[in-house]
């Protein structure tokens, strides 16, 4: 008795799923990064980094799927002075502090991992 086995190539479907999941993971990491930064701005330095709220509203992210990266930051000119400080103002590196701690790295890895696993 002969057994017939048929193989089906699903590689294109899997690659498309991975591509979509990668973009979803990058977006999820961008959203989580913005939330971590806003939390740092509100609670990380004893008093919030806020006068008008413009700097907090300006925290944003951009995904670049061509190199699988997420850029997070501010576009307002004075954001760099708040972050890095000046000769009159102490630095409050809210972006670096929000994204570099082990706890925060783990949270970013978890949201990326969850998005990458979707559909598998």
Protein backbone atom coordinates (compact mmCIF):
# COMPACT_ATOMS: atom_id res chain seq x y z
CA UNK A 1 0.00 0.00 0.00
CA UNK A 2 1.48 3.33 -1.11
CA UNK A 3 1.01 6.51 0.88
CA UNK A 4 0.77 9.74 -1.02
CA UNK A 5 2.07 12.91 0.61
CA UNK A 6 1.38 16.31 -0.85
CA UNK A 7 3.50 19.26 0.19
CA UNK A 8 2.27 22.81 -0.15
CA UNK A 9 4.60 25.80 -0.22
CA UNK A 10 3.26 28.42 2.22
CA UNK A 11 6.43 30.47 2.34
CA UNK A 12 4.86 33.52 0.66
CA UNK A 13 2.01 33.54 3.15
CA UNK A 14 4.41 33.22 6.07
CA UNK A 15 6.67 35.98 4.73
CA UNK A 16 3.69 38.30 4.25
CA UNK A 17 2.53 37.56 7.80
CA UNK A 18 6.03 38.29 9.13
CA UNK A 19 6.21 41.55 7.19
CA UNK A 20 2.88 42.70 8.63
CA UNK A 21 3.85 41.55 12.11
CA UNK A 22 7.17 43.39 11.89
CA UNK A 23 5.41 46.63 11.02
CA UNK A 24 2.88 46.05 13.82
CA UNK A 25 5.75 45.39 16.27
CA UNK A 26 7.51 48.61 15.25
CA UNK A 27 4.30 50.60 15.70
CA UNK A 28 3.63 48.95 19.06
CA UNK A 29 7.15 49.83 20.20
CA UNK A 30 6.65 53.42 19.02
CA UNK A 31 3.40 53.77 20.95
CA UNK A 32 4.93 52.19 24.08
CA UNK A 33 7.99 54.45 23.77
CA UNK A 34 5.83 57.57 23.61
CA UNK A 35 3.90 56.40 26.70
CA UNK A 36 7.12 55.71 28.61
CA UNK A 37 8.50 59.14 27.68
CA UNK A 38 5.31 60.91 28.73
CA UNK A 39 5.35 59.07 32.04
CA UNK A 40 8.97 60.12 32.57
CA UNK A 41 8.12 63.72 31.74
CA UNK A 42 5.22 63.74 34.20
CA UNK A 43 6.76 61.83 37.11
CA UNK A 44 10.49 61.35 36.62
CA UNK A 45 12.00 64.51 38.02
CA UNK A 46 10.05 65.48 41.11
CA UNK A 47 7.86 67.88 39.18
CA UNK A 48 6.49 67.51 35.66
CA UNK A 49 8.31 68.82 32.61
CA UNK A 50 5.47 71.07 31.65
CA UNK A 51 4.76 74.74 31.28
CA UNK A 52 2.33 74.86 28.37
CA UNK A 53 2.15 71.14 27.62
CA UNK A 54 3.44 71.67 24.08
CA UNK A 55 6.55 69.54 24.62
CA UNK A 56 4.49 66.62 25.92
CA UNK A 57 2.03 66.91 23.03
CA UNK A 58 4.97 66.95 20.61
CA UNK A 59 6.41 63.55 21.63
CA UNK A 60 5.98 61.37 18.56
CA UNK A 61 7.37 58.41 16.70
CA UNK A 62 8.04 57.44 13.12
CA UNK A 63 8.44 53.93 11.75
CA UNK A 64 10.86 53.17 8.93
CA UNK A 65 10.08 49.72 7.57
CA UNK A 66 13.01 49.83 5.15
CA UNK A 67 15.46 49.34 8.01
CA UNK A 68 13.01 48.13 10.69
CA UNK A 69 13.54 51.11 12.97
CA UNK A 70 11.49 53.46 15.11
CA UNK A 71 12.53 57.05 15.72
CA UNK A 72 11.09 58.69 18.83
CA UNK A 73 11.45 62.28 19.96
CA UNK A 74 10.33 65.89 19.72
CA UNK A 75 10.33 68.34 16.86
CA UNK A 76 10.19 71.48 19.01
CA UNK A 77 13.52 73.30 19.04
CA UNK A 78 13.65 73.76 22.80
CA UNK A 79 13.18 70.04 23.47
CA UNK A 80 16.91 69.43 23.15
CA UNK A 81 17.65 72.13 25.75
CA UNK A 82 15.25 70.56 28.24
CA UNK A 83 16.71 67.11 27.52
CA UNK A 84 20.40 68.04 27.51
CA UNK A 85 20.28 71.09 29.78
CA UNK A 86 21.98 74.47 29.42
CA UNK A 87 24.39 76.49 31.52
CA UNK A 88 21.32 77.82 33.40
CA UNK A 89 19.18 74.67 33.48
CA UNK A 90 19.90 71.15 34.67
CA UNK A 91 19.43 68.43 32.06
CA UNK A 92 16.34 66.27 32.31
CA UNK A 93 17.04 63.55 29.75
CA UNK A 94 13.45 62.31 29.64
CA UNK A 95 13.83 60.33 26.41
CA UNK A 96 17.03 58.54 27.40
CA UNK A 97 15.81 57.90 30.95
CA UNK A 98 12.46 56.57 29.72
CA UNK A 99 13.89 54.11 27.21
CA UNK A 100 17.18 52.81 28.61
CA UNK A 101 16.31 51.24 31.95
CA UNK A 102 16.13 47.43 32.11
CA UNK A 103 12.46 47.55 33.13
CA UNK A 104 11.60 49.73 30.17
CA UNK A 105 13.66 47.69 27.70
CA UNK A 106 11.78 44.60 28.87
CA UNK A 107 8.43 46.31 28.34
CA UNK A 108 9.42 47.28 24.81
CA UNK A 109 10.60 43.74 24.09
CA UNK A 110 7.29 42.35 25.37
CA UNK A 111 5.13 44.53 23.11
CA UNK A 112 7.33 43.72 20.12
CA UNK A 113 7.26 40.01 20.89
CA UNK A 114 3.48 39.95 21.22
CA UNK A 115 3.05 41.70 17.85
CA UNK A 116 5.55 39.42 16.10
CA UNK A 117 3.73 36.29 17.32
CA UNK A 118 0.30 37.37 16.02
CA UNK A 119 -1.14 34.85 13.60
CA UNK A 120 1.35 32.08 14.32
